[in-house]
Amino acid sequence: MNKFINYFSISFLRDKVQLFVSSTLISRFFRFAVVGFSGVIVDLGAFYFLHSSLCLALTLSAMLSTEIAIINNFLWNDLWTFGDVYFQQKLNLKFQRFVKFNLICLVGLIFNSLIVNWLFYQFHVNEYIAKLVAIACVTLWNFWLNLKMNWQLTKAEVDVVVDI
């Protein structure tokens, strides 16, 4: 009888943990997507300002506006999307996270361009549909890699949280 009760207790706890992890992951992904959408708005606004108002060259404006959006996204992800992890980590890791975030976004930008070109030129998909597909793919890539490389608690940090 004890084995029966223990099995259901362990099973119940396992199911609760899985539900918590999946709902936390979904919540984080939703916040990551909202931040990403704000980044699109920041990118377009900065691009318009730099290119139209300051009359900077097209490529320079595009590069600067993208970096401004990346900085915006990093700050909001650090504070809101992964805020619980951020506040538990040492502050000196922020610059490391920022550099890694930039590199991940750079790879995502390359993936985005490749996907758009592949869909548009190989399969004659409308360029805006191709761009939306690329954004969806790269969003998943950026979220997964940032979750694993930037905002994941180390074993020592988890032990501190559990002790509290």
N, C-alpha and C. Protein backbone atom coordinates (compact mmCIF):
# COMPACT_ATOMS: atom_id res chain seq x y z
N MET A 1 0.81 -1.19 0.00
CA MET A 1 0.00 0.00 0.00
C MET A 1 0.86 1.27 0.00
N ASN A 2 1.99 1.24 0.77
CA ASN A 2 2.88 2.40 0.81
C ASN A 2 3.48 2.70 -0.55
N LYS A 3 3.84 1.64 -1.29
CA LYS A 3 4.38 1.84 -2.64
C LYS A 3 3.35 2.53 -3.52
N PHE A 4 2.10 2.13 -3.38
CA PHE A 4 1.01 2.71 -4.15
C PHE A 4 0.87 4.20 -3.84
N ILE A 5 0.87 4.54 -2.57
CA ILE A 5 0.75 5.94 -2.14
C ILE A 5 1.99 6.73 -2.56
N ASN A 6 3.18 6.17 -2.38
CA ASN A 6 4.41 6.85 -2.78
C ASN A 6 4.44 7.11 -4.28
N TYR A 7 3.97 6.12 -5.06
CA TYR A 7 3.96 6.29 -6.51
C TYR A 7 3.10 7.48 -6.91
N PHE A 8 1.90 7.57 -6.33
CA PHE A 8 1.00 8.66 -6.68
C PHE A 8 1.50 10.00 -6.15
N SER A 9 2.17 10.00 -5.01
CA SER A 9 2.74 11.24 -4.48
C SER A 9 3.86 11.73 -5.39
N ILE A 10 4.73 10.82 -5.79
CA ILE A 10 5.83 11.19 -6.70
C ILE A 10 5.28 11.59 -8.05
N SER A 11 4.32 10.85 -8.55
CA SER A 11 3.70 11.16 -9.84
C SER A 11 3.02 12.53 -9.79
N PHE A 12 2.30 12.80 -8.70
CA PHE A 12 1.63 14.08 -8.53
C PHE A 12 2.64 15.23 -8.52
N LEU A 13 3.71 15.07 -7.75
CA LEU A 13 4.75 16.11 -7.69
C LEU A 13 5.43 16.31 -9.04
N ARG A 14 5.72 15.21 -9.72
CA ARG A 14 6.34 15.29 -11.04
C ARG A 14 5.45 16.06 -12.00
N ASP A 15 4.15 15.75 -11.98
CA ASP A 15 3.20 16.44 -12.86
C ASP A 15 3.11 17.93 -12.53
N LYS A 16 3.13 18.27 -11.25
CA LYS A 16 3.09 19.68 -10.84
C LYS A 16 4.35 20.43 -11.31
N VAL A 17 5.49 19.79 -11.17
CA VAL A 17 6.75 20.40 -11.61
C VAL A 17 6.74 20.59 -13.12
N GLN A 18 6.29 19.59 -13.86
CA GLN A 18 6.23 19.70 -15.33
C GLN A 18 5.28 20.81 -15.75
N LEU A 19 4.14 20.93 -15.08
CA LEU A 19 3.19 21.99 -15.39
C LEU A 19 3.79 23.36 -15.12
N PHE A 20 4.49 23.49 -13.98
CA PHE A 20 5.13 24.76 -13.64
C PHE A 20 6.19 25.12 -14.67
N VAL A 21 7.02 24.16 -15.04
CA VAL A 21 8.09 24.42 -16.01
C VAL A 21 7.51 24.80 -17.35
N SER A 22 6.48 24.08 -17.82
CA SER A 22 5.92 24.40 -19.12
C SER A 22 5.20 25.74 -19.11
N SER A 23 4.47 26.07 -18.02
CA SER A 23 3.80 27.37 -17.97
C SER A 23 4.81 28.50 -17.84
N THR A 24 5.89 28.29 -17.12
CA THR A 24 6.95 29.28 -17.01
C THR A 24 7.61 29.49 -18.37
N LEU A 25 7.86 28.41 -19.07
CA LEU A 25 8.49 28.50 -20.39
C LEU A 25 7.59 29.25 -21.37
N ILE A 26 6.29 28.94 -21.35
CA ILE A 26 5.33 29.62 -22.23
C ILE A 26 5.26 31.11 -21.88
N SER A 27 5.22 31.41 -20.60
CA SER A 27 5.18 32.80 -20.15
C SER A 27 6.43 33.56 -20.58
N ARG A 28 7.59 32.92 -20.41
CA ARG A 28 8.84 33.56 -20.84
C ARG A 28 8.85 33.79 -22.35
N PHE A 29 8.40 32.78 -23.10
CA PHE A 29 8.39 32.93 -24.56
C PHE A 29 7.47 34.05 -24.99
N PHE A 30 6.29 34.16 -24.36
CA PHE A 30 5.36 35.24 -24.68
C PHE A 30 6.01 36.60 -24.41
N ARG A 31 6.65 36.74 -23.24
CA ARG A 31 7.32 38.01 -22.91
C ARG A 31 8.46 38.28 -23.88
N PHE A 32 9.21 37.23 -24.25
CA PHE A 32 10.30 37.38 -25.22
C PHE A 32 9.76 37.88 -26.56
N ALA A 33 8.61 37.37 -26.98
CA ALA A 33 7.99 37.79 -28.23
C ALA A 33 7.51 39.24 -28.16
N VAL A 34 6.93 39.63 -27.01
CA VAL A 34 6.48 41.02 -26.83
C VAL A 34 7.68 41.96 -26.90
N VAL A 35 8.76 41.59 -26.23
CA VAL A 35 9.98 42.40 -26.27
C VAL A 35 10.50 42.48 -27.71
N GLY A 36 10.48 41.35 -28.40
CA GLY A 36 10.94 41.33 -29.80
C GLY A 36 10.10 42.25 -30.67
N PHE A 37 8.79 42.26 -30.45
CA PHE A 37 7.91 43.15 -31.21
C PHE A 37 8.25 44.61 -30.91
N SER A 38 8.54 44.92 -29.66
CA SER A 38 8.94 46.29 -29.32
C SER A 38 10.25 46.63 -30.02
N GLY A 39 11.12 45.62 -30.16
CA GLY A 39 12.39 45.83 -30.86
C GLY A 39 12.19 46.17 -32.32
N VAL A 40 11.19 45.57 -32.95
CA VAL A 40 10.88 45.89 -34.35
C VAL A 40 10.47 47.36 -34.46
N ILE A 41 9.64 47.80 -33.53
CA ILE A 41 9.19 49.20 -33.54
C ILE A 41 10.37 50.15 -33.29
N VAL A 42 11.21 49.81 -32.32
CA VAL A 42 12.40 50.63 -32.03
C VAL A 42 13.33 50.67 -33.25
N ASP A 43 13.54 49.51 -33.87
CA ASP A 43 14.41 49.41 -35.04
C ASP A 43 13.90 50.31 -36.16
N LEU A 44 12.62 50.19 -36.49
CA LEU A 44 12.06 50.99 -37.57
C LEU A 44 12.07 52.48 -37.24
N GLY A 45 11.75 52.83 -35.99
CA GLY A 45 11.76 54.23 -35.59
C GLY A 45 13.16 54.83 -35.64
N ALA A 46 14.14 54.08 -35.13
CA ALA A 46 15.53 54.56 -35.16
C ALA A 46 16.04 54.64 -36.59
N PHE A 47 15.67 53.67 -37.41
CA PHE A 47 16.09 53.68 -38.82
C PHE A 47 15.54 54.92 -39.52
N TYR A 48 14.27 55.19 -39.32
CA TYR A 48 13.65 56.37 -39.93
C TYR A 48 14.37 57.64 -39.47
N PHE A 49 14.60 57.76 -38.17
CA PHE A 49 15.26 58.95 -37.62
C PHE A 49 16.68 59.10 -38.18
N LEU A 50 17.45 58.03 -38.15
CA LEU A 50 18.84 58.10 -38.61
C LEU A 50 18.95 58.37 -40.11
N HIS A 51 18.11 57.70 -40.88
CA HIS A 51 18.22 57.81 -42.34
C HIS A 51 17.51 59.05 -42.88
N SER A 52 16.30 59.30 -42.41
CA SER A 52 15.52 60.42 -42.97
C SER A 52 15.84 61.75 -42.29
N SER A 53 15.94 61.75 -40.98
CA SER A 53 16.17 63.02 -40.28
C SER A 53 17.64 63.42 -40.23
N LEU A 54 18.52 62.45 -39.93
CA LEU A 54 19.95 62.77 -39.85
C LEU A 54 20.68 62.56 -41.17
N CYS A 55 19.99 62.02 -42.15
CA CYS A 55 20.53 61.79 -43.50
C CYS A 55 21.78 60.90 -43.50
N LEU A 56 21.83 59.91 -42.60
CA LEU A 56 22.93 58.95 -42.62
C LEU A 56 22.72 57.96 -43.76
N ALA A 57 23.79 57.35 -44.20
CA ALA A 57 23.71 56.38 -45.30
C ALA A 57 22.79 55.21 -44.91
N LEU A 58 22.22 54.58 -45.92
CA LEU A 58 21.27 53.50 -45.72
C LEU A 58 21.85 52.37 -44.88
N THR A 59 23.01 51.86 -45.26
CA THR A 59 23.60 50.73 -44.55
C THR A 59 23.97 51.11 -43.12
N LEU A 60 24.56 52.27 -42.93
CA LEU A 60 24.92 52.73 -41.59
C LEU A 60 23.67 52.90 -40.72
N SER A 61 22.63 53.48 -41.28
CA SER A 61 21.37 53.65 -40.56
C SER A 61 20.78 52.30 -40.17
N ALA A 62 20.81 51.35 -41.09
CA ALA A 62 20.27 50.02 -40.82
C ALA A 62 21.06 49.32 -39.72
N MET A 63 22.38 49.42 -39.77
CA MET A 63 23.21 48.77 -38.76
C MET A 63 23.02 49.40 -37.38
N LEU A 64 23.02 50.73 -37.33
CA LEU A 64 22.85 51.42 -36.05
C LEU A 64 21.47 51.17 -35.45
N SER A 65 20.44 51.21 -36.28
CA SER A 65 19.08 51.00 -35.77
C SER A 65 18.92 49.56 -35.27
N THR A 66 19.56 48.62 -35.93
CA THR A 66 19.50 47.23 -35.48
C THR A 66 20.18 47.10 -34.12
N GLU A 67 21.32 47.73 -33.94
CA GLU A 67 22.03 47.65 -32.65
C GLU A 67 21.22 48.35 -31.55
N ILE A 68 20.57 49.44 -31.87
CA ILE A 68 19.72 50.11 -30.88
C ILE A 68 18.58 49.18 -30.46
N ALA A 69 17.99 48.48 -31.42
CA ALA A 69 16.92 47.52 -31.12
C ALA A 69 17.44 46.35 -30.29
N ILE A 70 18.64 45.89 -30.58
CA ILE A 70 19.24 44.80 -29.82
C ILE A 70 19.47 45.24 -28.37
N ILE A 71 19.96 46.46 -28.17
CA ILE A 71 20.16 46.98 -26.81
C ILE A 71 18.81 47.08 -26.09
N ASN A 72 17.80 47.61 -26.77
CA ASN A 72 16.45 47.68 -26.21
C ASN A 72 15.97 46.28 -25.79
N ASN A 73 16.11 45.33 -26.68
CA ASN A 73 15.63 43.97 -26.40
C ASN A 73 16.40 43.33 -25.25
N PHE A 74 17.70 43.55 -25.22
CA PHE A 74 18.50 42.98 -24.13
C PHE A 74 18.04 43.52 -22.78
N LEU A 75 17.90 44.84 -22.69
CA LEU A 75 17.51 45.45 -21.42
C LEU A 75 16.14 44.95 -20.94
N TRP A 76 15.16 44.92 -21.85
CA TRP A 76 13.83 44.46 -21.47
C TRP A 76 13.81 42.96 -21.15
N ASN A 77 14.54 42.17 -21.91
CA ASN A 77 14.60 40.74 -21.60
C ASN A 77 15.29 40.50 -20.26
N ASP A 78 16.34 41.26 -20.00
CA ASP A 78 17.07 41.11 -18.75
C ASP A 78 16.20 41.48 -17.55
N LEU A 79 15.41 42.53 -17.69
CA LEU A 79 14.59 43.00 -16.57
C LEU A 79 13.23 42.31 -16.47
N TRP A 80 12.60 42.00 -17.61
CA TRP A 80 11.23 41.52 -17.58
C TRP A 80 11.10 40.04 -17.93
N THR A 81 11.59 39.65 -19.10
CA THR A 81 11.41 38.26 -19.53
C THR A 81 12.12 37.29 -18.59
N PHE A 82 13.36 37.61 -18.25
CA PHE A 82 14.16 36.74 -17.39
C PHE A 82 14.53 37.45 -16.10
N GLY A 83 13.68 38.35 -15.63
CA GLY A 83 13.97 39.16 -14.45
C GLY A 83 14.25 38.35 -13.21
N ASP A 84 13.54 37.24 -13.03
CA ASP A 84 13.76 36.43 -11.84
C ASP A 84 15.16 35.83 -11.82
N VAL A 85 15.67 35.47 -12.99
CA VAL A 85 17.02 34.94 -13.09
C VAL A 85 18.03 36.07 -12.94
N TYR A 86 17.75 37.19 -13.59
CA TYR A 86 18.65 38.34 -13.56
C TYR A 86 18.94 38.79 -12.13
N PHE A 87 17.92 38.88 -11.29
CA PHE A 87 18.11 39.37 -9.93
C PHE A 87 18.83 38.36 -9.04
N GLN A 88 18.91 37.12 -9.47
CA GLN A 88 19.61 36.10 -8.70
C GLN A 88 21.06 35.93 -9.15
N GLN A 89 21.41 36.54 -10.27
CA GLN A 89 22.77 36.41 -10.77
C GLN A 89 23.61 37.60 -10.36
N LYS A 90 24.90 37.40 -10.40
CA LYS A 90 25.82 38.48 -10.06
C LYS A 90 25.74 39.58 -11.12
N LEU A 91 25.87 40.82 -10.69
CA LEU A 91 25.77 41.94 -11.61
C LEU A 91 26.90 41.97 -12.63
N ASN A 92 28.05 41.43 -12.30
CA ASN A 92 29.17 41.49 -13.25
C ASN A 92 28.94 40.59 -14.46
N LEU A 93 27.91 39.76 -14.43
CA LEU A 93 27.59 38.91 -15.58
C LEU A 93 26.78 39.64 -16.64
N LYS A 94 26.30 40.83 -16.33
CA LYS A 94 25.44 41.57 -17.26
C LYS A 94 26.16 41.87 -18.58
N PHE A 95 27.39 42.31 -18.51
CA PHE A 95 28.13 42.61 -19.75
C PHE A 95 28.35 41.34 -20.56
N GLN A 96 28.67 40.24 -19.89
CA GLN A 96 28.82 38.96 -20.59
C GLN A 96 27.52 38.57 -21.28
N ARG A 97 26.40 38.71 -20.58
CA ARG A 97 25.10 38.39 -21.18
C ARG A 97 24.83 39.28 -22.38
N PHE A 98 25.19 40.56 -22.27
CA PHE A 98 24.97 41.49 -23.38
C PHE A 98 25.77 41.08 -24.61
N VAL A 99 27.03 40.72 -24.43
CA VAL A 99 27.88 40.30 -25.56
C VAL A 99 27.30 39.03 -26.19
N LYS A 100 26.94 38.06 -25.35
CA LYS A 100 26.36 36.82 -25.87
C LYS A 100 25.04 37.09 -26.59
N PHE A 101 24.22 37.97 -26.03
CA PHE A 101 22.94 38.33 -26.66
C PHE A 101 23.18 38.92 -28.04
N ASN A 102 24.16 39.81 -28.13
CA ASN A 102 24.50 40.42 -29.42
C ASN A 102 24.94 39.38 -30.44
N LEU A 103 25.78 38.44 -30.00
CA LEU A 103 26.26 37.39 -30.92
C LEU A 103 25.13 36.48 -31.36
N ILE A 104 24.26 36.12 -30.44
CA ILE A 104 23.12 35.28 -30.79
C ILE A 104 22.22 36.01 -31.79
N CYS A 105 21.98 37.29 -31.56
CA CYS A 105 21.15 38.09 -32.47
C CYS A 105 21.81 38.25 -33.83
N LEU A 106 23.13 38.34 -33.86
CA LEU A 106 23.85 38.43 -35.13
C LEU A 106 23.65 37.14 -35.94
N VAL A 107 23.79 36.01 -35.29
CA VAL A 107 23.55 34.73 -35.97
C VAL A 107 22.09 34.66 -36.41
N GLY A 108 21.18 35.12 -35.56
CA GLY A 108 19.76 35.16 -35.92
C GLY A 108 19.50 36.04 -37.13
N LEU A 109 20.20 37.16 -37.20
CA LEU A 109 20.06 38.06 -38.35
C LEU A 109 20.52 37.38 -39.64
N ILE A 110 21.62 36.64 -39.55
CA ILE A 110 22.11 35.88 -40.72
C ILE A 110 21.09 34.82 -41.12
N PHE A 111 20.56 34.08 -40.13
CA PHE A 111 19.53 33.08 -40.41
C PHE A 111 18.31 33.72 -41.07
N ASN A 112 17.90 34.87 -40.54
CA ASN A 112 16.75 35.58 -41.07
C ASN A 112 16.94 35.89 -42.55
N SER A 113 18.10 36.44 -42.89
CA SER A 113 18.38 36.77 -44.29
C SER A 113 18.40 35.54 -45.17
N LEU A 114 19.00 34.46 -44.68
CA LEU A 114 19.06 33.22 -45.46
C LEU A 114 17.66 32.64 -45.70
N ILE A 115 16.84 32.63 -44.67
CA ILE A 115 15.49 32.08 -44.80
C ILE A 115 14.65 32.90 -45.78
N VAL A 116 14.71 34.22 -45.65
CA VAL A 116 13.95 35.09 -46.55
C VAL A 116 14.38 34.86 -47.99
N ASN A 117 15.68 34.88 -48.23
CA ASN A 117 16.16 34.67 -49.60
C ASN A 117 15.81 33.29 -50.13
N TRP A 118 15.95 32.26 -49.30
CA TRP A 118 15.65 30.89 -49.71
C TRP A 118 14.16 30.76 -50.09
N LEU A 119 13.28 31.27 -49.22
CA LEU A 119 11.85 31.17 -49.51
C LEU A 119 11.44 32.01 -50.72
N PHE A 120 12.01 33.20 -50.81
CA PHE A 120 11.63 34.10 -51.90
C PHE A 120 12.16 33.63 -53.26
N TYR A 121 13.44 33.29 -53.32
CA TYR A 121 14.04 32.94 -54.60
C TYR A 121 13.84 31.48 -55.01
N GLN A 122 13.81 30.58 -54.05
CA GLN A 122 13.66 29.16 -54.39
C GLN A 122 12.20 28.74 -54.54
N PHE A 123 11.34 29.30 -53.68
CA PHE A 123 9.94 28.85 -53.68
C PHE A 123 8.96 29.95 -54.08
N HIS A 124 9.47 31.12 -54.43
CA HIS A 124 8.66 32.26 -54.89
C HIS A 124 7.56 32.64 -53.91
N VAL A 125 7.88 32.54 -52.61
CA VAL A 125 6.97 32.97 -51.56
C VAL A 125 7.01 34.49 -51.51
N ASN A 126 5.86 35.11 -51.30
CA ASN A 126 5.79 36.55 -51.15
C ASN A 126 6.82 37.01 -50.12
N GLU A 127 7.52 38.10 -50.42
CA GLU A 127 8.62 38.54 -49.54
C GLU A 127 8.17 38.85 -48.12
N TYR A 128 6.95 39.35 -47.96
CA TYR A 128 6.47 39.66 -46.61
C TYR A 128 6.10 38.40 -45.84
N ILE A 129 5.55 37.43 -46.53
CA ILE A 129 5.27 36.13 -45.90
C ILE A 129 6.59 35.46 -45.54
N ALA A 130 7.57 35.53 -46.46
CA ALA A 130 8.89 34.95 -46.19
C ALA A 130 9.53 35.62 -44.98
N LYS A 131 9.36 36.93 -44.86
CA LYS A 131 9.92 37.66 -43.72
C LYS A 131 9.24 37.24 -42.42
N LEU A 132 7.93 37.06 -42.44
CA LEU A 132 7.21 36.61 -41.25
C LEU A 132 7.64 35.20 -40.83
N VAL A 133 7.82 34.31 -41.80
CA VAL A 133 8.28 32.95 -41.49
C VAL A 133 9.68 33.02 -40.89
N ALA A 134 10.53 33.85 -41.46
CA ALA A 134 11.90 33.99 -40.96
C ALA A 134 11.90 34.55 -39.54
N ILE A 135 11.06 35.54 -39.28
CA ILE A 135 10.97 36.12 -37.94
C ILE A 135 10.54 35.05 -36.93
N ALA A 136 9.55 34.24 -37.30
CA ALA A 136 9.07 33.19 -36.40
C ALA A 136 10.20 32.18 -36.11
N CYS A 137 10.91 31.76 -37.15
CA CYS A 137 12.01 30.80 -36.96
C CYS A 137 13.12 31.39 -36.10
N VAL A 138 13.50 32.61 -36.39
CA VAL A 138 14.61 33.25 -35.67
C VAL A 138 14.20 33.57 -34.23
N THR A 139 12.93 33.90 -34.01
CA THR A 139 12.46 34.14 -32.65
C THR A 139 12.64 32.89 -31.80
N LEU A 140 12.26 31.74 -32.36
CA LEU A 140 12.44 30.48 -31.64
C LEU A 140 13.92 30.23 -31.37
N TRP A 141 14.76 30.44 -32.36
CA TRP A 141 16.21 30.28 -32.23
C TRP A 141 16.76 31.19 -31.14
N ASN A 142 16.44 32.49 -31.22
CA ASN A 142 16.95 33.46 -30.26
C ASN A 142 16.49 33.14 -28.83
N PHE A 143 15.21 32.78 -28.70
CA PHE A 143 14.68 32.47 -27.37
C PHE A 143 15.39 31.26 -26.77
N TRP A 144 15.47 30.19 -27.53
CA TRP A 144 16.07 28.96 -27.03
C TRP A 144 17.53 29.17 -26.64
N LEU A 145 18.30 29.82 -27.52
CA LEU A 145 19.72 30.01 -27.23
C LEU A 145 19.94 30.97 -26.05
N ASN A 146 19.16 32.04 -25.99
CA ASN A 146 19.30 32.96 -24.86
C ASN A 146 18.87 32.32 -23.55
N LEU A 147 17.84 31.49 -23.60
CA LEU A 147 17.41 30.78 -22.41
C LEU A 147 18.52 29.86 -21.91
N LYS A 148 19.20 29.18 -22.82
CA LYS A 148 20.24 28.22 -22.46
C LYS A 148 21.58 28.89 -22.13
N MET A 149 21.91 29.99 -22.80
CA MET A 149 23.24 30.57 -22.66
C MET A 149 23.30 31.84 -21.81
N ASN A 150 22.21 32.57 -21.72
CA ASN A 150 22.25 33.87 -21.06
C ASN A 150 21.53 33.93 -19.73
N TRP A 151 20.34 33.39 -19.67
CA TRP A 151 19.53 33.56 -18.47
C TRP A 151 19.20 32.21 -17.83
N GLN A 152 20.21 31.43 -17.61
CA GLN A 152 20.03 30.15 -16.94
C GLN A 152 20.82 30.19 -15.64
N LEU A 153 20.17 29.78 -14.57
CA LEU A 153 20.86 29.76 -13.29
C LEU A 153 21.89 28.64 -13.26
N THR A 154 23.03 28.94 -12.66
CA THR A 154 24.04 27.90 -12.46
C THR A 154 23.62 27.03 -11.29
N LYS A 155 24.28 25.90 -11.12
CA LYS A 155 23.97 24.98 -10.02
C LYS A 155 24.12 25.69 -8.67
N ALA A 156 25.17 26.48 -8.51
CA ALA A 156 25.40 27.19 -7.25
C ALA A 156 24.27 28.19 -6.98
N GLU A 157 23.81 28.90 -8.02
CA GLU A 157 22.74 29.87 -7.85
C GLU A 157 21.42 29.18 -7.52
N VAL A 158 21.17 28.02 -8.12
CA VAL A 158 19.95 27.26 -7.81
C VAL A 158 19.98 26.83 -6.35
N ASP A 159 21.13 26.38 -5.88
CA ASP A 159 21.27 25.96 -4.47
C ASP A 159 20.96 27.11 -3.52
N VAL A 160 21.40 28.32 -3.86
CA VAL A 160 21.14 29.48 -3.02
C VAL A 160 19.65 29.78 -2.99
N VAL A 161 18.98 29.70 -4.14
CA VAL A 161 17.55 29.97 -4.23
C VAL A 161 16.78 28.91 -3.42
N VAL A 162 17.16 27.66 -3.55
CA VAL A 162 16.49 26.58 -2.83
C VAL A 162 16.66 26.74 -1.32
N ASP A 163 17.83 27.19 -0.89
CA ASP A 163 18.08 27.39 0.53
C ASP A 163 17.24 28.50 1.14
N ILE A 164 16.85 29.47 0.32
CA ILE A 164 16.07 30.61 0.81
C ILE A 164 14.67 30.19 1.02
